[in-house]
Amino acid sequence: MNGDDEQLLRGRVYGADPGHPGPLPNRRYVELVGGPLDGLLLDVTGWTPDGIGTGVALMTDLGQFGPGGRALYDPRPRDPTRFDWSGDCP
């Protein structure tokens, strides 16, 4: 992915309808930092603190394992608004 592609992803919501890629009012988001989904927002509205604390494995074709692979993101200590990339898995 080049710089232009990365800029297109910034401010978009992971898994959102392509016709409405931006954040919606009254929703809670965290920013994905690093890795293949860097700059995307993840909607965590309604997640429990335990659910947020465990991190996520998000499907993406952009990671090390290509189609069907997952990018792993963990909550950043002391910053509840960001999840940091920790690697990819098949």
PDB file of N, CA and C in Angstrom:
ATOM      1  N   MET A   1       0.847  -1.166   0.000  1.00  0.00           N
ATOM      2  CA  MET A   1       0.000   0.000   0.000  1.00  0.00           C
ATOM      3  C   MET A   1       0.893   1.229   0.000  1.00  0.00           C
ATOM      4  N   ASN A   2       0.559   2.214  -0.841  1.00  0.00           N
ATOM      5  CA  ASN A   2       1.375   3.421  -0.887  1.00  0.00           C
ATOM      6  C   ASN A   2       0.732   4.516  -0.042  1.00  0.00           C
ATOM      7  N   GLY A   3       1.384   5.676   0.027  1.00  0.00           N
ATOM      8  CA  GLY A   3       0.899   6.779   0.854  1.00  0.00           C
ATOM      9  C   GLY A   3      -0.483   7.261   0.466  1.00  0.00           C
ATOM     10  N   ASP A   4      -0.786   7.256  -0.848  1.00  0.00           N
ATOM     11  CA  ASP A   4      -2.115   7.680  -1.292  1.00  0.00           C
ATOM     12  C   ASP A   4      -3.189   6.723  -0.790  1.00  0.00           C
ATOM     13  N   ASP A   5      -2.923   5.416  -0.860  1.00  0.00           N
ATOM     14  CA  ASP A   5      -3.877   4.427  -0.367  1.00  0.00           C
ATOM     15  C   ASP A   5      -4.098   4.594   1.131  1.00  0.00           C
ATOM     16  N   GLU A   6      -3.024   4.809   1.872  1.00  0.00           N
ATOM     17  CA  GLU A   6      -3.131   4.970   3.322  1.00  0.00           C
ATOM     18  C   GLU A   6      -3.959   6.199   3.669  1.00  0.00           C
ATOM     19  N   GLN A   7      -3.799   7.281   2.921  1.00  0.00           N
ATOM     20  CA  GLN A   7      -4.560   8.498   3.186  1.00  0.00           C
ATOM     21  C   GLN A   7      -6.050   8.267   2.954  1.00  0.00           C
ATOM     22  N   LEU A   8      -6.393   7.449   1.952  1.00  0.00           N
ATOM     23  CA  LEU A   8      -7.802   7.155   1.685  1.00  0.00           C
ATOM     24  C   LEU A   8      -8.462   6.424   2.848  1.00  0.00           C
ATOM     25  N   LEU A   9      -7.709   5.606   3.577  1.00  0.00           N
ATOM     26  CA  LEU A   9      -8.272   4.849   4.688  1.00  0.00           C
ATOM     27  C   LEU A   9      -8.490   5.708   5.934  1.00  0.00           C
ATOM     28  N   ARG A  10      -7.708   6.743   6.125  1.00  0.00           N
ATOM     29  CA  ARG A  10      -7.798   7.562   7.340  1.00  0.00           C
ATOM     30  C   ARG A  10      -9.201   8.119   7.532  1.00  0.00           C
ATOM     31  N   GLY A  11      -9.712   7.978   8.753  1.00  0.00           N
ATOM     32  CA  GLY A  11     -11.011   8.517   9.094  1.00  0.00           C
ATOM     33  C   GLY A  11     -12.179   7.656   8.653  1.00  0.00           C
ATOM     34  N   ARG A  12     -11.900   6.537   8.022  1.00  0.00           N
ATOM     35  CA  ARG A  12     -12.963   5.616   7.619  1.00  0.00           C
ATOM     36  C   ARG A  12     -13.182   4.595   8.728  1.00  0.00           C
ATOM     37  N   VAL A  13     -14.362   4.026   8.730  1.00  0.00           N
ATOM     38  CA  VAL A  13     -14.722   3.056   9.756  1.00  0.00           C
ATOM     39  C   VAL A  13     -14.560   1.644   9.195  1.00  0.00           C
ATOM     40  N   TYR A  14     -13.848   0.799   9.935  1.00  0.00           N
ATOM     41  CA  TYR A  14     -13.655  -0.600   9.543  1.00  0.00           C
ATOM     42  C   TYR A  14     -15.024  -1.265   9.382  1.00  0.00           C
ATOM     43  N   GLY A  15     -15.245  -1.907   8.238  1.00  0.00           N
ATOM     44  CA  GLY A  15     -16.470  -2.650   7.994  1.00  0.00           C
ATOM     45  C   GLY A  15     -17.683  -1.811   7.635  1.00  0.00           C
ATOM     46  N   ALA A  16     -17.519  -0.498   7.479  1.00  0.00           N
ATOM     47  CA  ALA A  16     -18.655   0.377   7.175  1.00  0.00           C
ATOM     48  C   ALA A  16     -19.077   0.249   5.720  1.00  0.00           C
ATOM     49  N   ASP A  17     -20.289   0.645   5.454  1.00  0.00           N
ATOM     50  CA  ASP A  17     -20.832   0.719   4.108  1.00  0.00           C
ATOM     51  C   ASP A  17     -19.973   1.680   3.291  1.00  0.00           C
ATOM     52  N   PRO A  18     -19.452   1.260   2.134  1.00  0.00           N
ATOM     53  CA  PRO A  18     -18.602   2.144   1.333  1.00  0.00           C
ATOM     54  C   PRO A  18     -19.273   3.466   0.948  1.00  0.00           C
ATOM     55  N   GLY A  19     -20.588   3.475   0.891  1.00  0.00           N
ATOM     56  CA  GLY A  19     -21.292   4.706   0.575  1.00  0.00           C
ATOM     57  C   GLY A  19     -21.304   5.697   1.728  1.00  0.00           C
ATOM     58  N   HIS A  20     -21.048   5.202   2.934  1.00  0.00           N
ATOM     59  CA  HIS A  20     -21.020   6.030   4.146  1.00  0.00           C
ATOM     60  C   HIS A  20     -19.847   5.590   5.016  1.00  0.00           C
ATOM     61  N   PRO A  21     -18.604   5.861   4.551  1.00  0.00           N
ATOM     62  CA  PRO A  21     -17.431   5.305   5.230  1.00  0.00           C
ATOM     63  C   PRO A  21     -17.015   6.006   6.517  1.00  0.00           C
ATOM     64  N   GLY A  22     -17.561   7.181   6.790  1.00  0.00           N
ATOM     65  CA  GLY A  22     -17.103   7.949   7.950  1.00  0.00           C
ATOM     66  C   GLY A  22     -17.844   7.600   9.225  1.00  0.00           C
ATOM     67  N   PRO A  23     -17.367   8.165  10.334  1.00  0.00           N
ATOM     68  CA  PRO A  23     -18.004   7.902  11.624  1.00  0.00           C
ATOM     69  C   PRO A  23     -19.404   8.518  11.693  1.00  0.00           C
ATOM     70  N   LEU A  24     -20.252   7.892  12.486  1.00  0.00           N
ATOM     71  CA  LEU A  24     -21.624   8.358  12.683  1.00  0.00           C
ATOM     72  C   LEU A  24     -21.755   8.996  14.060  1.00  0.00           C
ATOM     73  N   PRO A  25     -22.687   9.936  14.195  1.00  0.00           N
ATOM     74  CA  PRO A  25     -22.888  10.547  15.514  1.00  0.00           C
ATOM     75  C   PRO A  25     -23.402   9.509  16.512  1.00  0.00           C
ATOM     76  N   ASN A  26     -23.153   9.758  17.764  1.00  0.00           N
ATOM     77  CA  ASN A  26     -23.631   8.918  18.862  1.00  0.00           C
ATOM     78  C   ASN A  26     -23.051   7.507  18.838  1.00  0.00           C
ATOM     79  N   ARG A  27     -21.899   7.346  18.243  1.00  0.00           N
ATOM     80  CA  ARG A  27     -21.188   6.064  18.239  1.00  0.00           C
ATOM     81  C   ARG A  27     -19.841   6.286  18.911  1.00  0.00           C
ATOM     82  N   ARG A  28     -19.244   5.223  19.429  1.00  0.00           N
ATOM     83  CA  ARG A  28     -17.931   5.309  20.075  1.00  0.00           C
ATOM     84  C   ARG A  28     -16.923   4.553  19.216  1.00  0.00           C
ATOM     85  N   TYR A  29     -15.793   5.195  18.923  1.00  0.00           N
ATOM     86  CA  TYR A  29     -14.780   4.613  18.046  1.00  0.00           C
ATOM     87  C   TYR A  29     -13.415   4.618  18.714  1.00  0.00           C
ATOM     88  N   VAL A  30     -12.587   3.651  18.303  1.00  0.00           N
ATOM     89  CA  VAL A  30     -11.163   3.676  18.636  1.00  0.00           C
ATOM     90  C   VAL A  30     -10.410   3.718  17.309  1.00  0.00           C
ATOM     91  N   GLU A  31      -9.224   4.324  17.327  1.00  0.00           N
ATOM     92  CA  GLU A  31      -8.393   4.387  16.131  1.00  0.00           C
ATOM     93  C   GLU A  31      -7.458   3.193  16.097  1.00  0.00           C
ATOM     94  N   LEU A  32      -7.344   2.551  14.942  1.00  0.00           N
ATOM     95  CA  LEU A  32      -6.401   1.453  14.749  1.00  0.00           C
ATOM     96  C   LEU A  32      -5.066   2.063  14.343  1.00  0.00           C
ATOM     97  N   VAL A  33      -4.003   1.686  15.062  1.00  0.00           N
ATOM     98  CA  VAL A  33      -2.688   2.299  14.862  1.00  0.00           C
ATOM     99  C   VAL A  33      -1.687   1.233  14.434  1.00  0.00           C
ATOM    100  N   GLY A  34      -1.056   1.461  13.283  1.00  0.00           N
ATOM    101  CA  GLY A  34      -0.053   0.539  12.773  1.00  0.00           C
ATOM    102  C   GLY A  34      -0.694  -0.599  11.991  1.00  0.00           C
ATOM    103  N   GLY A  35       0.136  -1.386  11.347  1.00  0.00           N
ATOM    104  CA  GLY A  35      -0.342  -2.556  10.613  1.00  0.00           C
ATOM    105  C   GLY A  35      -1.179  -2.209   9.399  1.00  0.00           C
ATOM    106  N   PRO A  36      -1.841  -3.210   8.836  1.00  0.00           N
ATOM    107  CA  PRO A  36      -2.546  -3.020   7.574  1.00  0.00           C
ATOM    108  C   PRO A  36      -3.797  -2.142   7.661  1.00  0.00           C
ATOM    109  N   LEU A  37      -4.346  -1.952   8.848  1.00  0.00           N
ATOM    110  CA  LEU A  37      -5.571  -1.159   8.993  1.00  0.00           C
ATOM    111  C   LEU A  37      -5.308   0.190   9.655  1.00  0.00           C
ATOM    112  N   ASP A  38      -4.058   0.610   9.627  1.00  0.00           N
ATOM    113  CA  ASP A  38      -3.650   1.871  10.250  1.00  0.00           C
ATOM    114  C   ASP A  38      -4.532   3.031   9.794  1.00  0.00           C
ATOM    115  N   GLY A  39      -5.037   3.782  10.746  1.00  0.00           N
ATOM    116  CA  GLY A  39      -5.832   4.956  10.438  1.00  0.00           C
ATOM    117  C   GLY A  39      -7.325   4.715  10.386  1.00  0.00           C
ATOM    118  N   LEU A  40      -7.751   3.451  10.297  1.00  0.00           N
ATOM    119  CA  LEU A  40      -9.182   3.168  10.311  1.00  0.00           C
ATOM    120  C   LEU A  40      -9.735   3.331  11.723  1.00  0.00           C
ATOM    121  N   LEU A  41     -11.019   3.588  11.800  1.00  0.00           N
ATOM    122  CA  LEU A  41     -11.711   3.647  13.080  1.00  0.00           C
ATOM    123  C   LEU A  41     -12.486   2.357  13.268  1.00  0.00           C
ATOM    124  N   LEU A  42     -12.570   1.883  14.503  1.00  0.00           N
ATOM    125  CA  LEU A  42     -13.326   0.682  14.834  1.00  0.00           C
ATOM    126  C   LEU A  42     -14.463   1.084  15.761  1.00  0.00           C
ATOM    127  N   ASP A  43     -15.675   0.755  15.383  1.00  0.00           N
ATOM    128  CA  ASP A  43     -16.856   1.077  16.185  1.00  0.00           C
ATOM    129  C   ASP A  43     -16.920   0.111  17.373  1.00  0.00           C
ATOM    130  N   VAL A  44     -16.794   0.649  18.578  1.00  0.00           N
ATOM    131  CA  VAL A  44     -16.855  -0.169  19.792  1.00  0.00           C
ATOM    132  C   VAL A  44     -18.081   0.190  20.632  1.00  0.00           C
ATOM    133  N   THR A  45     -19.061   0.824  20.007  1.00  0.00           N
ATOM    134  CA  THR A  45     -20.297   1.179  20.693  1.00  0.00           C
ATOM    135  C   THR A  45     -20.928  -0.089  21.265  1.00  0.00           C
ATOM    136  N   GLY A  46     -21.246  -0.059  22.536  1.00  0.00           N
ATOM    137  CA  GLY A  46     -21.899  -1.197  23.179  1.00  0.00           C
ATOM    138  C   GLY A  46     -20.964  -2.290  23.664  1.00  0.00           C
ATOM    139  N   TRP A  47     -19.680  -2.163  23.379  1.00  0.00           N
ATOM    140  CA  TRP A  47     -18.732  -3.165  23.882  1.00  0.00           C
ATOM    141  C   TRP A  47     -18.578  -3.007  25.386  1.00  0.00           C
ATOM    142  N   THR A  48     -18.403  -4.114  26.071  1.00  0.00           N
ATOM    143  CA  THR A  48     -18.136  -4.069  27.502  1.00  0.00           C
ATOM    144  C   THR A  48     -16.668  -3.717  27.729  1.00  0.00           C
ATOM    145  N   PRO A  49     -16.332  -3.223  28.918  1.00  0.00           N
ATOM    146  CA  PRO A  49     -14.912  -2.977  29.212  1.00  0.00           C
ATOM    147  C   PRO A  49     -14.055  -4.233  29.034  1.00  0.00           C
ATOM    148  N   ASP A  50     -14.590  -5.397  29.404  1.00  0.00           N
ATOM    149  CA  ASP A  50     -13.835  -6.641  29.214  1.00  0.00           C
ATOM    150  C   ASP A  50     -13.624  -6.929  27.733  1.00  0.00           C
ATOM    151  N   GLY A  51     -14.642  -6.697  26.923  1.00  0.00           N
ATOM    152  CA  GLY A  51     -14.522  -6.925  25.485  1.00  0.00           C
ATOM    153  C   GLY A  51     -13.483  -6.018  24.857  1.00  0.00           C
ATOM    154  N   ILE A  52     -13.478  -4.766  25.263  1.00  0.00           N
ATOM    155  CA  ILE A  52     -12.488  -3.820  24.749  1.00  0.00           C
ATOM    156  C   ILE A  52     -11.093  -4.210  25.230  1.00  0.00           C
ATOM    157  N   GLY A  53     -10.984  -4.670  26.447  1.00  0.00           N
ATOM    158  CA  GLY A  53      -9.689  -5.014  27.029  1.00  0.00           C
ATOM    159  C   GLY A  53      -9.008  -6.213  26.408  1.00  0.00           C
ATOM    160  N   THR A  54      -9.756  -7.060  25.700  1.00  0.00           N
ATOM    161  CA  THR A  54      -9.152  -8.255  25.110  1.00  0.00           C
ATOM    162  C   THR A  54      -8.577  -8.017  23.726  1.00  0.00           C
ATOM    163  N   GLY A  55      -8.924  -6.886  23.101  1.00  0.00           N
ATOM    164  CA  GLY A  55      -8.438  -6.622  21.754  1.00  0.00           C
ATOM    165  C   GLY A  55      -9.272  -7.343  20.714  1.00  0.00           C
ATOM    166  N   VAL A  56      -8.829  -7.253  19.444  1.00  0.00           N
ATOM    167  CA  VAL A  56      -9.608  -7.810  18.338  1.00  0.00           C
ATOM    168  C   VAL A  56      -8.725  -8.441  17.278  1.00  0.00           C
ATOM    169  N   ALA A  57      -9.306  -9.362  16.524  1.00  0.00           N
ATOM    170  CA  ALA A  57      -8.700  -9.944  15.323  1.00  0.00           C
ATOM    171  C   ALA A  57      -9.632  -9.579  14.180  1.00  0.00           C
ATOM    172  N   LEU A  58      -9.204  -8.668  13.318  1.00  0.00           N
ATOM    173  CA  LEU A  58     -10.052  -8.135  12.259  1.00  0.00           C
ATOM    174  C   LEU A  58      -9.668  -8.701  10.905  1.00  0.00           C
ATOM    175  N   MET A  59     -10.656  -9.213  10.176  1.00  0.00           N
ATOM    176  CA  MET A  59     -10.393  -9.758   8.845  1.00  0.00           C
ATOM    177  C   MET A  59      -9.900  -8.660   7.913  1.00  0.00           C
ATOM    178  N   THR A  60      -8.870  -8.996   7.131  1.00  0.00           N
ATOM    179  CA  THR A  60      -8.344  -8.061   6.133  1.00  0.00           C
ATOM    180  C   THR A  60      -7.574  -8.812   5.059  1.00  0.00           C
ATOM    181  N   ASP A  61      -7.686  -8.342   3.844  1.00  0.00           N
ATOM    182  CA  ASP A  61      -6.894  -8.888   2.727  1.00  0.00           C
ATOM    183  C   ASP A  61      -5.532  -8.217   2.651  1.00  0.00           C
ATOM    184  N   LEU A  62      -5.315  -7.173   3.455  1.00  0.00           N
ATOM    185  CA  LEU A  62      -4.109  -6.350   3.365  1.00  0.00           C
ATOM    186  C   LEU A  62      -2.953  -6.847   4.226  1.00  0.00           C
ATOM    187  N   GLY A  63      -3.185  -7.817   5.080  1.00  0.00           N
ATOM    188  CA  GLY A  63      -2.155  -8.281   6.003  1.00  0.00           C
ATOM    189  C   GLY A  63      -1.222  -9.309   5.397  1.00  0.00           C
ATOM    190  N   GLN A  64      -0.358  -9.844   6.219  1.00  0.00           N
ATOM    191  CA  GLN A  64       0.661 -10.815   5.827  1.00  0.00           C
ATOM    192  C   GLN A  64       0.061 -12.062   5.182  1.00  0.00           C
ATOM    193  N   PHE A  65      -1.142 -12.466   5.588  1.00  0.00           N
ATOM    194  CA  PHE A  65      -1.722 -13.715   5.120  1.00  0.00           C
ATOM    195  C   PHE A  65      -2.734 -13.541   3.993  1.00  0.00           C
ATOM    196  N   GLY A  66      -2.894 -12.308   3.496  1.00  0.00           N
ATOM    197  CA  GLY A  66      -3.779 -12.054   2.362  1.00  0.00           C
ATOM    198  C   GLY A  66      -5.232 -12.343   2.678  1.00  0.00           C
ATOM    199  N   PRO A  67      -6.027 -12.695   1.642  1.00  0.00           N
ATOM    200  CA  PRO A  67      -7.450 -12.940   1.848  1.00  0.00           C
ATOM    201  C   PRO A  67      -7.704 -13.979   2.941  1.00  0.00           C
ATOM    202  N   GLY A  68      -8.608 -13.652   3.836  1.00  0.00           N
ATOM    203  CA  GLY A  68      -8.934 -14.554   4.936  1.00  0.00           C
ATOM    204  C   GLY A  68      -8.072 -14.353   6.167  1.00  0.00           C
ATOM    205  N   GLY A  69      -6.997 -13.575   6.048  1.00  0.00           N
ATOM    206  CA  GLY A  69      -6.138 -13.313   7.194  1.00  0.00           C
ATOM    207  C   GLY A  69      -6.749 -12.300   8.142  1.00  0.00           C
ATOM    208  N   ARG A  70      -6.141 -12.184   9.298  1.00  0.00           N
ATOM    209  CA  ARG A  70      -6.614 -11.247  10.307  1.00  0.00           C
ATOM    210  C   ARG A  70      -5.464 -10.398  10.838  1.00  0.00           C
ATOM    211  N   ALA A  71      -5.798  -9.159  11.139  1.00  0.00           N
ATOM    212  CA  ALA A  71      -4.851  -8.245  11.783  1.00  0.00           C
ATOM    213  C   ALA A  71      -5.248  -8.169  13.260  1.00  0.00           C
ATOM    214  N   LEU A  72      -4.270  -8.304  14.136  1.00  0.00           N
ATOM    215  CA  LEU A  72      -4.515  -8.300  15.581  1.00  0.00           C
ATOM    216  C   LEU A  72      -4.238  -6.921  16.154  1.00  0.00           C
ATOM    217  N   TYR A  73      -5.182  -6.401  16.918  1.00  0.00           N
ATOM    218  CA  TYR A  73      -5.048  -5.081  17.546  1.00  0.00           C
ATOM    219  C   TYR A  73      -5.399  -5.194  19.022  1.00  0.00           C
ATOM    220  N   ASP A  74      -4.560  -4.587  19.853  1.00  0.00           N
ATOM    221  CA  ASP A  74      -4.747  -4.603  21.302  1.00  0.00           C
ATOM    222  C   ASP A  74      -4.915  -3.186  21.819  1.00  0.00           C
ATOM    223  N   PRO A  75      -5.726  -3.008  22.873  1.00  0.00           N
ATOM    224  CA  PRO A  75      -5.901  -1.667  23.423  1.00  0.00           C
ATOM    225  C   PRO A  75      -4.578  -1.108  23.923  1.00  0.00           C
ATOM    226  N   ARG A  76      -4.367   0.164  23.681  1.00  0.00           N
ATOM    227  CA  ARG A  76      -3.155   0.831  24.144  1.00  0.00           C
ATOM    228  C   ARG A  76      -3.305   1.147  25.626  1.00  0.00           C
ATOM    229  N   PRO A  77      -2.335   0.738  26.440  1.00  0.00           N
ATOM    230  CA  PRO A  77      -2.413   1.058  27.871  1.00  0.00           C
ATOM    231  C   PRO A  77      -2.514   2.571  28.090  1.00  0.00           C
ATOM    232  N   ARG A  78      -3.390   2.967  28.943  1.00  0.00           N
ATOM    233  CA  ARG A  78      -3.585   4.367  29.338  1.00  0.00           C
ATOM    234  C   ARG A  78      -4.102   5.270  28.213  1.00  0.00           C
ATOM    235  N   ASP A  79      -4.564   4.683  27.083  1.00  0.00           N
ATOM    236  CA  ASP A  79      -5.167   5.485  26.024  1.00  0.00           C
ATOM    237  C   ASP A  79      -6.329   4.694  25.415  1.00  0.00           C
ATOM    238  N   PRO A  80      -7.516   4.856  25.963  1.00  0.00           N
ATOM    239  CA  PRO A  80      -8.664   4.059  25.511  1.00  0.00           C
ATOM    240  C   PRO A  80      -9.165   4.413  24.115  1.00  0.00           C
ATOM    241  N   THR A  81      -8.558   5.392  23.467  1.00  0.00           N
ATOM    242  CA  THR A  81      -9.007   5.787  22.131  1.00  0.00           C
ATOM    243  C   THR A  81      -8.206   5.137  21.011  1.00  0.00           C
ATOM    244  N   ARG A  82      -7.221   4.301  21.359  1.00  0.00           N
ATOM    245  CA  ARG A  82      -6.376   3.692  20.329  1.00  0.00           C
ATOM    246  C   ARG A  82      -6.133   2.204  20.600  1.00  0.00           C
ATOM    247  N   PHE A  83      -6.121   1.444  19.519  1.00  0.00           N
ATOM    248  CA  PHE A  83      -5.723   0.030  19.543  1.00  0.00           C
ATOM    249  C   PHE A  83      -4.461  -0.074  18.683  1.00  0.00           C
ATOM    250  N   ASP A  84      -3.427  -0.711  19.207  1.00  0.00           N
ATOM    251  CA  ASP A  84      -2.160  -0.873  18.483  1.00  0.00           C
ATOM    252  C   ASP A  84      -2.074  -2.239  17.829  1.00  0.00           C
ATOM    253  N   TRP A  85      -1.518  -2.255  16.612  1.00  0.00           N
ATOM    254  CA  TRP A  85      -1.326  -3.495  15.874  1.00  0.00           C
ATOM    255  C   TRP A  85      -0.295  -4.359  16.589  1.00  0.00           C
ATOM    256  N   SER A  86      -0.589  -5.652  16.726  1.00  0.00           N
ATOM    257  CA  SER A  86       0.361  -6.562  17.367  1.00  0.00           C
ATOM    258  C   SER A  86       0.788  -7.704  16.446  1.00  0.00           C
ATOM    259  N   GLY A  87       0.287  -7.745  15.225  1.00  0.00           N
ATOM    260  CA  GLY A  87       0.691  -8.786  14.274  1.00  0.00           C
ATOM    261  C   GLY A  87      -0.474  -9.257  13.435  1.00  0.00           C
ATOM    262  N   ASP A  88      -0.197 -10.241  12.588  1.00  0.00           N
ATOM    263  CA  ASP A  88      -1.212 -10.842  11.714  1.00  0.00           C
ATOM    264  C   ASP A  88      -1.304 -12.326  12.019  1.00  0.00           C
ATOM    265  N   CYS A  89      -2.457 -12.905  11.699  1.00  0.00           N
ATOM    266  CA  CYS A  89      -2.611 -14.353  11.841  1.00  0.00           C
ATOM    267  C   CYS A  89      -3.466 -14.873  10.680  1.00  0.00           C
ATOM    268  N   PRO A  90      -3.332 -16.151  10.369  1.00  0.00           N
ATOM    269  CA  PRO A  90      -4.118 -16.703   9.249  1.00  0.00           C
ATOM    270  C   PRO A  90      -5.607 -16.771   9.575  1.00  0.00           C
TER     271      PRO A  90
END
